[in-house]
Amino acid sequence: MSANASTILVVEDDDIVRMLIVDVLEELDFKVVEAGDGEDALKILNDLNQPVDLMMTDMGLPGMDGRELATQARKVRPSLPILFASGYAENIDVPHDMHVIGKPFSIDQLRDKVKSLLDN
């Protein structure tokens, strides 16, 4: 893993899906921090010693949904790129400066989307 690897926070309540996404991102040489729900994600985001270059979150989380999480995340880290993963990508409205990837996505789609967001 390169020393300057970007850190991605993956928020997904399905353990198996989260594990798969984390594996793929680590294979692509990203550092990954994991959270199973919005509350855990906010704990990580509130720790300003923890670098996070991109948050990838499921829309349908227990308790706080992905959109609420994104709103809270931006209060702490206003410029954080946010990528929603959703099985209903074409049906969701995301704020203009946030992004969405439809599930299921291929490894290549995920890589290209993440790289394009990090390169901005």
PDB file of N, CA and C in Angstrom:
ATOM      1  N   MET A   1       0.859  -1.190   0.000  1.00  0.00           N
ATOM      2  CA  MET A   1       0.000   0.000   0.000  1.00  0.00           C
ATOM      3  C   MET A   1       0.892   1.237   0.000  1.00  0.00           C
ATOM      4  N   SER A   2       0.578   2.198  -0.843  1.00  0.00           N
ATOM      5  CA  SER A   2       1.431   3.382  -0.928  1.00  0.00           C
ATOM      6  C   SER A   2       1.184   4.275   0.280  1.00  0.00           C
ATOM      7  N   ALA A   3       2.218   4.970   0.678  1.00  0.00           N
ATOM      8  CA  ALA A   3       2.150   5.806   1.873  1.00  0.00           C
ATOM      9  C   ALA A   3       1.126   6.921   1.721  1.00  0.00           C
ATOM     10  N   ASN A   4       0.934   7.376   0.483  1.00  0.00           N
ATOM     11  CA  ASN A   4      -0.009   8.468   0.279  1.00  0.00           C
ATOM     12  C   ASN A   4      -1.374   7.959  -0.183  1.00  0.00           C
ATOM     13  N   ALA A   5      -1.691   6.739   0.152  1.00  0.00           N
ATOM     14  CA  ALA A   5      -2.983   6.168  -0.247  1.00  0.00           C
ATOM     15  C   ALA A   5      -4.127   6.980   0.356  1.00  0.00           C
ATOM     16  N   SER A   6      -5.156   7.182  -0.435  1.00  0.00           N
ATOM     17  CA  SER A   6      -6.341   7.864   0.063  1.00  0.00           C
ATOM     18  C   SER A   6      -7.084   6.942   1.028  1.00  0.00           C
ATOM     19  N   THR A   7      -7.740   7.552   2.009  1.00  0.00           N
ATOM     20  CA  THR A   7      -8.511   6.796   2.990  1.00  0.00           C
ATOM     21  C   THR A   7      -9.995   6.943   2.684  1.00  0.00           C
ATOM     22  N   ILE A   8     -10.666   5.805   2.589  1.00  0.00           N
ATOM     23  CA  ILE A   8     -12.094   5.787   2.282  1.00  0.00           C
ATOM     24  C   ILE A   8     -12.854   5.202   3.468  1.00  0.00           C
ATOM     25  N   LEU A   9     -13.866   5.927   3.901  1.00  0.00           N
ATOM     26  CA  LEU A   9     -14.759   5.441   4.949  1.00  0.00           C
ATOM     27  C   LEU A   9     -15.922   4.737   4.256  1.00  0.00           C
ATOM     28  N   VAL A  10     -16.073   3.436   4.539  1.00  0.00           N
ATOM     29  CA  VAL A  10     -17.149   2.643   3.954  1.00  0.00           C
ATOM     30  C   VAL A  10     -18.213   2.403   5.030  1.00  0.00           C
ATOM     31  N   VAL A  11     -19.425   2.876   4.765  1.00  0.00           N
ATOM     32  CA  VAL A  11     -20.530   2.735   5.717  1.00  0.00           C
ATOM     33  C   VAL A  11     -21.576   1.827   5.078  1.00  0.00           C
ATOM     34  N   GLU A  12     -21.723   0.630   5.643  1.00  0.00           N
ATOM     35  CA  GLU A  12     -22.623  -0.376   5.057  1.00  0.00           C
ATOM     36  C   GLU A  12     -23.043  -1.301   6.192  1.00  0.00           C
ATOM     37  N   ASP A  13     -24.356  -1.486   6.359  1.00  0.00           N
ATOM     38  CA  ASP A  13     -24.821  -2.297   7.485  1.00  0.00           C
ATOM     39  C   ASP A  13     -24.784  -3.794   7.196  1.00  0.00           C
ATOM     40  N   ASP A  14     -24.706  -4.180   5.941  1.00  0.00           N
ATOM     41  CA  ASP A  14     -24.617  -5.602   5.596  1.00  0.00           C
ATOM     42  C   ASP A  14     -23.142  -6.006   5.656  1.00  0.00           C
ATOM     43  N   ASP A  15     -22.804  -6.853   6.636  1.00  0.00           N
ATOM     44  CA  ASP A  15     -21.395  -7.207   6.873  1.00  0.00           C
ATOM     45  C   ASP A  15     -20.722  -7.791   5.640  1.00  0.00           C
ATOM     46  N   ILE A  16     -21.443  -8.642   4.917  1.00  0.00           N
ATOM     47  CA  ILE A  16     -20.830  -9.320   3.767  1.00  0.00           C
ATOM     48  C   ILE A  16     -20.580  -8.316   2.645  1.00  0.00           C
ATOM     49  N   VAL A  17     -21.557  -7.470   2.380  1.00  0.00           N
ATOM     50  CA  VAL A  17     -21.386  -6.450   1.342  1.00  0.00           C
ATOM     51  C   VAL A  17     -20.238  -5.513   1.723  1.00  0.00           C
ATOM     52  N   ARG A  18     -20.214  -5.104   3.007  1.00  0.00           N
ATOM     53  CA  ARG A  18     -19.151  -4.198   3.466  1.00  0.00           C
ATOM     54  C   ARG A  18     -17.781  -4.852   3.291  1.00  0.00           C
ATOM     55  N   MET A  19     -17.689  -6.124   3.644  1.00  0.00           N
ATOM     56  CA  MET A  19     -16.420  -6.844   3.532  1.00  0.00           C
ATOM     57  C   MET A  19     -15.964  -6.897   2.068  1.00  0.00           C
ATOM     58  N   LEU A  20     -16.898  -7.138   1.163  1.00  0.00           N
ATOM     59  CA  LEU A  20     -16.556  -7.205  -0.262  1.00  0.00           C
ATOM     60  C   LEU A  20     -16.054  -5.856  -0.768  1.00  0.00           C
ATOM     61  N   ILE A  21     -16.761  -4.781  -0.401  1.00  0.00           N
ATOM     62  CA  ILE A  21     -16.348  -3.439  -0.846  1.00  0.00           C
ATOM     63  C   ILE A  21     -14.963  -3.110  -0.289  1.00  0.00           C
ATOM     64  N   VAL A  22     -14.766  -3.411   1.005  1.00  0.00           N
ATOM     65  CA  VAL A  22     -13.473  -3.140   1.642  1.00  0.00           C
ATOM     66  C   VAL A  22     -12.366  -3.915   0.941  1.00  0.00           C
ATOM     67  N   ASP A  23     -12.617  -5.193   0.659  1.00  0.00           N
ATOM     68  CA  ASP A  23     -11.610  -6.011  -0.031  1.00  0.00           C
ATOM     69  C   ASP A  23     -11.236  -5.405  -1.373  1.00  0.00           C
ATOM     70  N   VAL A  24     -12.239  -4.997  -2.128  1.00  0.00           N
ATOM     71  CA  VAL A  24     -11.990  -4.422  -3.453  1.00  0.00           C
ATOM     72  C   VAL A  24     -11.170  -3.142  -3.324  1.00  0.00           C
ATOM     73  N   LEU A  25     -11.570  -2.264  -2.407  1.00  0.00           N
ATOM     74  CA  LEU A  25     -10.865  -0.990  -2.260  1.00  0.00           C
ATOM     75  C   LEU A  25      -9.425  -1.199  -1.793  1.00  0.00           C
ATOM     76  N   GLU A  26      -9.239  -2.179  -0.892  1.00  0.00           N
ATOM     77  CA  GLU A  26      -7.874  -2.459  -0.433  1.00  0.00           C
ATOM     78  C   GLU A  26      -7.028  -3.026  -1.565  1.00  0.00           C
ATOM     79  N   GLU A  27      -7.632  -3.866  -2.404  1.00  0.00           N
ATOM     80  CA  GLU A  27      -6.929  -4.382  -3.582  1.00  0.00           C
ATOM     81  C   GLU A  27      -6.493  -3.250  -4.500  1.00  0.00           C
ATOM     82  N   LEU A  28      -7.287  -2.192  -4.536  1.00  0.00           N
ATOM     83  CA  LEU A  28      -6.980  -1.034  -5.376  1.00  0.00           C
ATOM     84  C   LEU A  28      -6.036  -0.064  -4.672  1.00  0.00           C
ATOM     85  N   ASP A  29      -5.504  -0.487  -3.518  1.00  0.00           N
ATOM     86  CA  ASP A  29      -4.500   0.291  -2.779  1.00  0.00           C
ATOM     87  C   ASP A  29      -5.039   1.492  -2.025  1.00  0.00           C
ATOM     88  N   PHE A  30      -6.298   1.422  -1.628  1.00  0.00           N
ATOM     89  CA  PHE A  30      -6.820   2.466  -0.752  1.00  0.00           C
ATOM     90  C   PHE A  30      -6.728   1.983   0.691  1.00  0.00           C
ATOM     91  N   LYS A  31      -6.615   2.933   1.613  1.00  0.00           N
ATOM     92  CA  LYS A  31      -6.787   2.602   3.027  1.00  0.00           C
ATOM     93  C   LYS A  31      -8.291   2.659   3.282  1.00  0.00           C
ATOM     94  N   VAL A  32      -8.800   1.768   4.116  1.00  0.00           N
ATOM     95  CA  VAL A  32     -10.242   1.733   4.343  1.00  0.00           C
ATOM     96  C   VAL A  32     -10.540   1.739   5.842  1.00  0.00           C
ATOM     97  N   VAL A  33     -11.508   2.554   6.216  1.00  0.00           N
ATOM     98  CA  VAL A  33     -12.045   2.564   7.569  1.00  0.00           C
ATOM     99  C   VAL A  33     -13.497   2.132   7.411  1.00  0.00           C
ATOM    100  N   GLU A  34     -13.969   1.275   8.331  1.00  0.00           N
ATOM    101  CA  GLU A  34     -15.313   0.712   8.180  1.00  0.00           C
ATOM    102  C   GLU A  34     -16.249   1.170   9.289  1.00  0.00           C
ATOM    103  N   ALA A  35     -17.520   1.319   8.924  1.00  0.00           N
ATOM    104  CA  ALA A  35     -18.568   1.571   9.909  1.00  0.00           C
ATOM    105  C   ALA A  35     -19.808   0.797   9.497  1.00  0.00           C
ATOM    106  N   GLY A  36     -20.512   0.247  10.488  1.00  0.00           N
ATOM    107  CA  GLY A  36     -21.713  -0.539  10.218  1.00  0.00           C
ATOM    108  C   GLY A  36     -22.983   0.282  10.214  1.00  0.00           C
ATOM    109  N   ASP A  37     -22.903   1.535  10.693  1.00  0.00           N
ATOM    110  CA  ASP A  37     -24.084   2.400  10.695  1.00  0.00           C
ATOM    111  C   ASP A  37     -23.642   3.854  10.794  1.00  0.00           C
ATOM    112  N   GLY A  38     -24.614   4.742  10.709  1.00  0.00           N
ATOM    113  CA  GLY A  38     -24.328   6.168  10.704  1.00  0.00           C
ATOM    114  C   GLY A  38     -23.654   6.653  11.975  1.00  0.00           C
ATOM    115  N   GLU A  39     -24.086   6.106  13.127  1.00  0.00           N
ATOM    116  CA  GLU A  39     -23.487   6.552  14.392  1.00  0.00           C
ATOM    117  C   GLU A  39     -22.003   6.242  14.440  1.00  0.00           C
ATOM    118  N   ASP A  40     -21.646   5.017  14.040  1.00  0.00           N
ATOM    119  CA  ASP A  40     -20.220   4.655  14.022  1.00  0.00           C
ATOM    120  C   ASP A  40     -19.457   5.532  13.036  1.00  0.00           C
ATOM    121  N   ALA A  41     -20.077   5.795  11.897  1.00  0.00           N
ATOM    122  CA  ALA A  41     -19.424   6.634  10.891  1.00  0.00           C
ATOM    123  C   ALA A  41     -19.156   8.032  11.442  1.00  0.00           C
ATOM    124  N   LEU A  42     -20.133   8.584  12.163  1.00  0.00           N
ATOM    125  CA  LEU A  42     -19.958   9.939  12.707  1.00  0.00           C
ATOM    126  C   LEU A  42     -18.868   9.970  13.771  1.00  0.00           C
ATOM    127  N   LYS A  43     -18.737   8.900  14.555  1.00  0.00           N
ATOM    128  CA  LYS A  43     -17.635   8.848  15.537  1.00  0.00           C
ATOM    129  C   LYS A  43     -16.299   8.965  14.820  1.00  0.00           C
ATOM    130  N   ILE A  44     -16.177   8.241  13.708  1.00  0.00           N
ATOM    131  CA  ILE A  44     -14.926   8.274  12.935  1.00  0.00           C
ATOM    132  C   ILE A  44     -14.715   9.676  12.358  1.00  0.00           C
ATOM    133  N   LEU A  45     -15.768  10.255  11.776  1.00  0.00           N
ATOM    134  CA  LEU A  45     -15.649  11.572  11.143  1.00  0.00           C
ATOM    135  C   LEU A  45     -15.362  12.676  12.156  1.00  0.00           C
ATOM    136  N   ASN A  46     -15.876  12.513  13.369  1.00  0.00           N
ATOM    137  CA  ASN A  46     -15.658  13.522  14.410  1.00  0.00           C
ATOM    138  C   ASN A  46     -14.244  13.484  14.966  1.00  0.00           C
ATOM    139  N   ASP A  47     -13.525  12.405  14.710  1.00  0.00           N
ATOM    140  CA  ASP A  47     -12.130  12.303  15.129  1.00  0.00           C
ATOM    141  C   ASP A  47     -11.270  12.919  14.024  1.00  0.00           C
ATOM    142  N   LEU A  48     -10.937  14.178  14.189  1.00  0.00           N
ATOM    143  CA  LEU A  48     -10.256  14.885  13.104  1.00  0.00           C
ATOM    144  C   LEU A  48      -8.816  14.419  12.908  1.00  0.00           C
ATOM    145  N   ASN A  49      -8.324  13.563  13.801  1.00  0.00           N
ATOM    146  CA  ASN A  49      -7.006  12.942  13.583  1.00  0.00           C
ATOM    147  C   ASN A  49      -7.092  11.791  12.590  1.00  0.00           C
ATOM    148  N   GLN A  50      -8.318  11.347  12.314  1.00  0.00           N
ATOM    149  CA  GLN A  50      -8.525  10.230  11.385  1.00  0.00           C
ATOM    150  C   GLN A  50      -8.731  10.800   9.987  1.00  0.00           C
ATOM    151  N   PRO A  51      -7.763  10.564   9.079  1.00  0.00           N
ATOM    152  CA  PRO A  51      -7.988  11.081   7.728  1.00  0.00           C
ATOM    153  C   PRO A  51      -9.116  10.325   7.026  1.00  0.00           C
ATOM    154  N   VAL A  52      -9.964  11.055   6.339  1.00  0.00           N
ATOM    155  CA  VAL A  52     -10.991  10.451   5.484  1.00  0.00           C
ATOM    156  C   VAL A  52     -11.041  11.310   4.221  1.00  0.00           C
ATOM    157  N   ASP A  53     -10.726  10.703   3.078  1.00  0.00           N
ATOM    158  CA  ASP A  53     -10.700  11.437   1.816  1.00  0.00           C
ATOM    159  C   ASP A  53     -11.992  11.291   1.029  1.00  0.00           C
ATOM    160  N   LEU A  54     -12.777  10.265   1.388  1.00  0.00           N
ATOM    161  CA  LEU A  54     -14.026   9.993   0.684  1.00  0.00           C
ATOM    162  C   LEU A  54     -14.879   9.121   1.593  1.00  0.00           C
ATOM    163  N   MET A  55     -16.177   9.408   1.649  1.00  0.00           N
ATOM    164  CA  MET A  55     -17.092   8.522   2.375  1.00  0.00           C
ATOM    165  C   MET A  55     -17.996   7.850   1.354  1.00  0.00           C
ATOM    166  N   MET A  56     -18.026   6.541   1.403  1.00  0.00           N
ATOM    167  CA  MET A  56     -18.938   5.757   0.578  1.00  0.00           C
ATOM    168  C   MET A  56     -19.967   5.145   1.513  1.00  0.00           C
ATOM    169  N   THR A  57     -21.219   5.493   1.323  1.00  0.00           N
ATOM    170  CA  THR A  57     -22.246   5.011   2.241  1.00  0.00           C
ATOM    171  C   THR A  57     -23.426   4.399   1.506  1.00  0.00           C
ATOM    172  N   ASP A  58     -23.984   3.362   2.124  1.00  0.00           N
ATOM    173  CA  ASP A  58     -25.236   2.793   1.652  1.00  0.00           C
ATOM    174  C   ASP A  58     -26.337   3.811   1.940  1.00  0.00           C
ATOM    175  N   MET A  59     -27.353   3.877   1.095  1.00  0.00           N
ATOM    176  CA  MET A  59     -28.483   4.764   1.357  1.00  0.00           C
ATOM    177  C   MET A  59     -29.330   4.220   2.495  1.00  0.00           C
ATOM    178  N   GLY A  60     -29.591   2.908   2.464  1.00  0.00           N
ATOM    179  CA  GLY A  60     -30.504   2.317   3.433  1.00  0.00           C
ATOM    180  C   GLY A  60     -29.760   1.793   4.648  1.00  0.00           C
ATOM    181  N   LEU A  61     -29.523   2.665   5.608  1.00  0.00           N
ATOM    182  CA  LEU A  61     -28.857   2.245   6.844  1.00  0.00           C
ATOM    183  C   LEU A  61     -29.890   2.191   7.956  1.00  0.00           C
ATOM    184  N   PRO A  62     -29.659   1.355   8.973  1.00  0.00           N
ATOM    185  CA  PRO A  62     -30.581   1.337  10.116  1.00  0.00           C
ATOM    186  C   PRO A  62     -30.443   2.638  10.901  1.00  0.00           C
ATOM    187  N   GLY A  63     -31.553   3.135  11.427  1.00  0.00           N
ATOM    188  CA  GLY A  63     -31.479   4.363  12.215  1.00  0.00           C
ATOM    189  C   GLY A  63     -31.383   5.562  11.290  1.00  0.00           C
ATOM    190  N   MET A  64     -30.195   6.103  11.175  1.00  0.00           N
ATOM    191  CA  MET A  64     -29.944   7.275  10.334  1.00  0.00           C
ATOM    192  C   MET A  64     -29.671   6.789   8.912  1.00  0.00           C
ATOM    193  N   ASP A  65     -30.427   7.285   7.928  1.00  0.00           N
ATOM    194  CA  ASP A  65     -30.161   6.817   6.566  1.00  0.00           C
ATOM    195  C   ASP A  65     -28.950   7.529   5.963  1.00  0.00           C
ATOM    196  N   GLY A  66     -28.552   7.090   4.796  1.00  0.00           N
ATOM    197  CA  GLY A  66     -27.347   7.623   4.176  1.00  0.00           C
ATOM    198  C   GLY A  66     -27.391   9.119   3.951  1.00  0.00           C
ATOM    199  N   ARG A  67     -28.561   9.627   3.584  1.00  0.00           N
ATOM    200  CA  ARG A  67     -28.674  11.067   3.326  1.00  0.00           C
ATOM    201  C   ARG A  67     -28.496  11.864   4.611  1.00  0.00           C
ATOM    202  N   GLU A  68     -29.126  11.410   5.701  1.00  0.00           N
ATOM    203  CA  GLU A  68     -28.950  12.094   6.992  1.00  0.00           C
ATOM    204  C   GLU A  68     -27.483  12.055   7.415  1.00  0.00           C
ATOM    205  N   LEU A  69     -26.867  10.887   7.219  1.00  0.00           N
ATOM    206  CA  LEU A  69     -25.455  10.736   7.559  1.00  0.00           C
ATOM    207  C   LEU A  69     -24.615  11.740   6.761  1.00  0.00           C
ATOM    208  N   ALA A  70     -24.899  11.856   5.476  1.00  0.00           N
ATOM    209  CA  ALA A  70     -24.138  12.773   4.627  1.00  0.00           C
ATOM    210  C   ALA A  70     -24.273  14.213   5.126  1.00  0.00           C
ATOM    211  N   THR A  71     -25.494  14.590   5.517  1.00  0.00           N
ATOM    212  CA  THR A  71     -25.731  15.944   6.031  1.00  0.00           C
ATOM    213  C   THR A  71     -24.909  16.189   7.286  1.00  0.00           C
ATOM    214  N   GLN A  72     -24.928  15.205   8.193  1.00  0.00           N
ATOM    215  CA  GLN A  72     -24.146  15.322   9.433  1.00  0.00           C
ATOM    216  C   GLN A  72     -22.648  15.344   9.135  1.00  0.00           C
ATOM    217  N   ALA A  73     -22.225  14.496   8.204  1.00  0.00           N
ATOM    218  CA  ALA A  73     -20.805  14.401   7.856  1.00  0.00           C
ATOM    219  C   ALA A  73     -20.286  15.739   7.346  1.00  0.00           C
ATOM    220  N   ARG A  74     -21.092  16.414   6.533  1.00  0.00           N
ATOM    221  CA  ARG A  74     -20.672  17.679   5.947  1.00  0.00           C
ATOM    222  C   ARG A  74     -20.579  18.791   6.996  1.00  0.00           C
ATOM    223  N   LYS A  75     -21.288  18.622   8.124  1.00  0.00           N
ATOM    224  CA  LYS A  75     -21.153  19.620   9.197  1.00  0.00           C
ATOM    225  C   LYS A  75     -19.755  19.542   9.800  1.00  0.00           C
ATOM    226  N   VAL A  76     -19.228  18.325   9.868  1.00  0.00           N
ATOM    227  CA  VAL A  76     -17.903  18.124  10.472  1.00  0.00           C
ATOM    228  C   VAL A  76     -16.803  18.329   9.441  1.00  0.00           C
ATOM    229  N   ARG A  77     -17.041  17.841   8.233  1.00  0.00           N
ATOM    230  CA  ARG A  77     -16.034  17.896   7.162  1.00  0.00           C
ATOM    231  C   ARG A  77     -16.707  18.439   5.899  1.00  0.00           C
ATOM    232  N   PRO A  78     -16.772  19.756   5.800  1.00  0.00           N
ATOM    233  CA  PRO A  78     -17.582  20.386   4.739  1.00  0.00           C
ATOM    234  C   PRO A  78     -17.184  20.010   3.314  1.00  0.00           C
ATOM    235  N   SER A  79     -15.932  19.663   3.083  1.00  0.00           N
ATOM    236  CA  SER A  79     -15.521  19.399   1.697  1.00  0.00           C
ATOM    237  C   SER A  79     -15.406  17.906   1.384  1.00  0.00           C
ATOM    238  N   LEU A  80     -15.893  17.064   2.299  1.00  0.00           N
ATOM    239  CA  LEU A  80     -15.758  15.616   2.118  1.00  0.00           C
ATOM    240  C   LEU A  80     -16.542  15.124   0.895  1.00  0.00           C
ATOM    241  N   PRO A  81     -15.868  14.457  -0.059  1.00  0.00           N
ATOM    242  CA  PRO A  81     -16.617  13.842  -1.163  1.00  0.00           C
ATOM    243  C   PRO A  81     -17.466  12.680  -0.628  1.00  0.00           C
ATOM    244  N   ILE A  82     -18.694  12.590  -1.099  1.00  0.00           N
ATOM    245  CA  ILE A  82     -19.606  11.552  -0.616  1.00  0.00           C
ATOM    246  C   ILE A  82     -20.165  10.779  -1.808  1.00  0.00           C
ATOM    247  N   LEU A  83     -20.070   9.456  -1.681  1.00  0.00           N
ATOM    248  CA  LEU A  83     -20.567   8.547  -2.718  1.00  0.00           C
ATOM    249  C   LEU A  83     -21.618   7.637  -2.094  1.00  0.00           C
ATOM    250  N   PHE A  84     -22.849   7.729  -2.595  1.00  0.00           N
ATOM    251  CA  PHE A  84     -23.913   6.844  -2.134  1.00  0.00           C
ATOM    252  C   PHE A  84     -23.920   5.584  -2.988  1.00  0.00           C
ATOM    253  N   ALA A  85     -24.098   4.443  -2.346  1.00  0.00           N
ATOM    254  CA  ALA A  85     -24.300   3.187  -3.071  1.00  0.00           C
ATOM    255  C   ALA A  85     -25.756   2.801  -2.861  1.00  0.00           C
ATOM    256  N   SER A  86     -26.447   2.522  -3.956  1.00  0.00           N
ATOM    257  CA  SER A  86     -27.866   2.207  -3.824  1.00  0.00           C
ATOM    258  C   SER A  86     -28.318   1.244  -4.899  1.00  0.00           C
ATOM    259  N   GLY A  87     -29.156   0.313  -4.509  1.00  0.00           N
ATOM    260  CA  GLY A  87     -29.779  -0.587  -5.473  1.00  0.00           C
ATOM    261  C   GLY A  87     -30.845   0.128  -6.282  1.00  0.00           C
ATOM    262  N   TYR A  88     -31.164   1.354  -5.867  1.00  0.00           N
ATOM    263  CA  TYR A  88     -32.208   2.122  -6.556  1.00  0.00           C
ATOM    264  C   TYR A  88     -31.620   3.434  -7.051  1.00  0.00           C
ATOM    265  N   ALA A  89     -30.412   3.369  -7.604  1.00  0.00           N
ATOM    266  CA  ALA A  89     -29.659   4.582  -7.943  1.00  0.00           C
ATOM    267  C   ALA A  89     -30.459   5.550  -8.808  1.00  0.00           C
ATOM    268  N   GLU A  90     -31.219   4.997  -9.761  1.00  0.00           N
ATOM    269  CA  GLU A  90     -31.912   5.898 -10.687  1.00  0.00           C
ATOM    270  C   GLU A  90     -33.082   6.599  -9.999  1.00  0.00           C
ATOM    271  N   ASN A  91     -33.481   6.101  -8.818  1.00  0.00           N
ATOM    272  CA  ASN A  91     -34.641   6.685  -8.139  1.00  0.00           C
ATOM    273  C   ASN A  91     -34.263   7.605  -6.993  1.00  0.00           C
ATOM    274  N   ILE A  92     -32.977   7.809  -6.759  1.00  0.00           N
ATOM    275  CA  ILE A  92     -32.665   8.638  -5.608  1.00  0.00           C
ATOM    276  C   ILE A  92     -32.139   9.990  -6.041  1.00  0.00           C
ATOM    277  N   ASP A  93     -32.536  10.971  -5.267  1.00  0.00           N
ATOM    278  CA  ASP A  93     -32.087  12.345  -5.471  1.00  0.00           C
ATOM    279  C   ASP A  93     -30.908  12.574  -4.559  1.00  0.00           C
ATOM    280  N   VAL A  94     -29.774  12.923  -5.127  1.00  0.00           N
ATOM    281  CA  VAL A  94     -28.660  13.244  -4.247  1.00  0.00           C
ATOM    282  C   VAL A  94     -28.341  14.725  -4.380  1.00  0.00           C
ATOM    283  N   PRO A  95     -27.887  15.337  -3.290  1.00  0.00           N
ATOM    284  CA  PRO A  95     -27.501  16.749  -3.378  1.00  0.00           C
ATOM    285  C   PRO A  95     -26.498  16.937  -4.513  1.00  0.00           C
ATOM    286  N   HIS A  96     -26.491  18.125  -5.108  1.00  0.00           N
ATOM    287  CA  HIS A  96     -25.743  18.358  -6.353  1.00  0.00           C
ATOM    288  C   HIS A  96     -24.257  18.054  -6.241  1.00  0.00           C
ATOM    289  N   ASP A  97     -23.678  18.167  -5.053  1.00  0.00           N
ATOM    290  CA  ASP A  97     -22.237  17.916  -4.947  1.00  0.00           C
ATOM    291  C   ASP A  97     -21.929  16.545  -4.349  1.00  0.00           C
ATOM    292  N   MET A  98     -22.909  15.653  -4.377  1.00  0.00           N
ATOM    293  CA  MET A  98     -22.691  14.282  -3.921  1.00  0.00           C
ATOM    294  C   MET A  98     -22.947  13.348  -5.102  1.00  0.00           C
ATOM    295  N   HIS A  99     -22.506  12.109  -4.979  1.00  0.00           N
ATOM    296  CA  HIS A  99     -22.504  11.198  -6.123  1.00  0.00           C
ATOM    297  C   HIS A  99     -23.154   9.874  -5.749  1.00  0.00           C
ATOM    298  N   VAL A 100     -23.520   9.099  -6.770  1.00  0.00           N
ATOM    299  CA  VAL A 100     -24.183   7.826  -6.513  1.00  0.00           C
ATOM    300  C   VAL A 100     -23.640   6.771  -7.464  1.00  0.00           C
ATOM    301  N   ILE A 101     -23.541   5.563  -6.950  1.00  0.00           N
ATOM    302  CA  ILE A 101     -23.184   4.410  -7.781  1.00  0.00           C
ATOM    303  C   ILE A 101     -24.257   3.356  -7.546  1.00  0.00           C
ATOM    304  N   GLY A 102     -24.744   2.782  -8.632  1.00  0.00           N
ATOM    305  CA  GLY A 102     -25.817   1.795  -8.511  1.00  0.00           C
ATOM    306  C   GLY A 102     -25.278   0.431  -8.105  1.00  0.00           C
ATOM    307  N   LYS A 103     -26.000  -0.243  -7.215  1.00  0.00           N
ATOM    308  CA  LYS A 103     -25.671  -1.626  -6.866  1.00  0.00           C
ATOM    309  C   LYS A 103     -26.498  -2.533  -7.766  1.00  0.00           C
ATOM    310  N   PRO A 104     -25.998  -3.644  -8.219  1.00  0.00           N
ATOM    311  CA  PRO A 104     -24.613  -4.086  -8.020  1.00  0.00           C
ATOM    312  C   PRO A 104     -23.694  -3.341  -8.983  1.00  0.00           C
ATOM    313  N   PHE A 105     -22.466  -3.072  -8.543  1.00  0.00           N
ATOM    314  CA  PHE A 105     -21.500  -2.409  -9.412  1.00  0.00           C
ATOM    315  C   PHE A 105     -20.315  -3.340  -9.604  1.00  0.00           C
ATOM    316  N   SER A 106     -19.627  -3.142 -10.711  1.00  0.00           N
ATOM    317  CA  SER A 106     -18.443  -3.955 -10.975  1.00  0.00           C
ATOM    318  C   SER A 106     -17.241  -3.326 -10.270  1.00  0.00           C
ATOM    319  N   ILE A 107     -16.197  -4.086 -10.127  1.00  0.00           N
ATOM    320  CA  ILE A 107     -14.965  -3.580  -9.532  1.00  0.00           C
ATOM    321  C   ILE A 107     -14.464  -2.387 -10.343  1.00  0.00           C
ATOM    322  N   ASP A 108     -14.532  -2.499 -11.671  1.00  0.00           N
ATOM    323  CA  ASP A 108     -14.059  -1.404 -12.518  1.00  0.00           C
ATOM    324  C   ASP A 108     -14.895  -0.139 -12.326  1.00  0.00           C
ATOM    325  N   GLN A 109     -16.200  -0.311 -12.213  1.00  0.00           N
ATOM    326  CA  GLN A 109     -17.065   0.858 -12.007  1.00  0.00           C
ATOM    327  C   GLN A 109     -16.723   1.537 -10.686  1.00  0.00           C
ATOM    328  N   LEU A 110     -16.533   0.713  -9.653  1.00  0.00           N
ATOM    329  CA  LEU A 110     -16.212   1.267  -8.334  1.00  0.00           C
ATOM    330  C   LEU A 110     -14.876   2.001  -8.390  1.00  0.00           C
ATOM    331  N   ARG A 111     -13.890   1.366  -8.983  1.00  0.00           N
ATOM    332  CA  ARG A 111     -12.555   1.983  -9.071  1.00  0.00           C
ATOM    333  C   ARG A 111     -12.627   3.315  -9.815  1.00  0.00           C
ATOM    334  N   ASP A 112     -13.306   3.313 -10.972  1.00  0.00           N
ATOM    335  CA  ASP A 112     -13.358   4.521 -11.786  1.00  0.00           C
ATOM    336  C   ASP A 112     -14.089   5.648 -11.059  1.00  0.00           C
ATOM    337  N   LYS A 113     -15.178   5.295 -10.391  1.00  0.00           N
ATOM    338  CA  LYS A 113     -15.973   6.304  -9.676  1.00  0.00           C
ATOM    339  C   LYS A 113     -15.164   6.896  -8.528  1.00  0.00           C
ATOM    340  N   VAL A 114     -14.543   6.035  -7.734  1.00  0.00           N
ATOM    341  CA  VAL A 114     -13.770   6.498  -6.580  1.00  0.00           C
ATOM    342  C   VAL A 114     -12.596   7.365  -7.049  1.00  0.00           C
ATOM    343  N   LYS A 115     -11.896   6.895  -8.074  1.00  0.00           N
ATOM    344  CA  LYS A 115     -10.738   7.672  -8.568  1.00  0.00           C
ATOM    345  C   LYS A 115     -11.188   9.030  -9.097  1.00  0.00           C
ATOM    346  N   SER A 116     -12.304   9.067  -9.812  1.00  0.00           N
ATOM    347  CA  SER A 116     -12.750  10.353 -10.358  1.00  0.00           C
ATOM    348  C   SER A 116     -13.107  11.323  -9.227  1.00  0.00           C
ATOM    349  N   LEU A 117     -13.691  10.813  -8.140  1.00  0.00           N
ATOM    350  CA  LEU A 117     -14.054  11.687  -7.019  1.00  0.00           C
ATOM    351  C   LEU A 117     -12.819  12.173  -6.277  1.00  0.00           C
ATOM    352  N   LEU A 118     -11.830  11.308  -6.132  1.00  0.00           N
ATOM    353  CA  LEU A 118     -10.626  11.677  -5.402  1.00  0.00           C
ATOM    354  C   LEU A 118      -9.740  12.609  -6.220  1.00  0.00           C
ATOM    355  N   ASP A 119      -9.835  12.533  -7.540  1.00  0.00           N
ATOM    356  CA  ASP A 119      -8.992  13.368  -8.399  1.00  0.00           C
ATOM    357  C   ASP A 119      -9.512  14.804  -8.508  1.00  0.00           C
ATOM    358  N   ASN A 120     -10.762  14.999  -8.112  1.00  0.00           N
ATOM    359  CA  ASN A 120     -11.336  16.359  -8.249  1.00  0.00           C
ATOM    360  C   ASN A 120     -10.687  17.328  -7.287  1.00  0.00           C
TER     361      ASN A 120
END
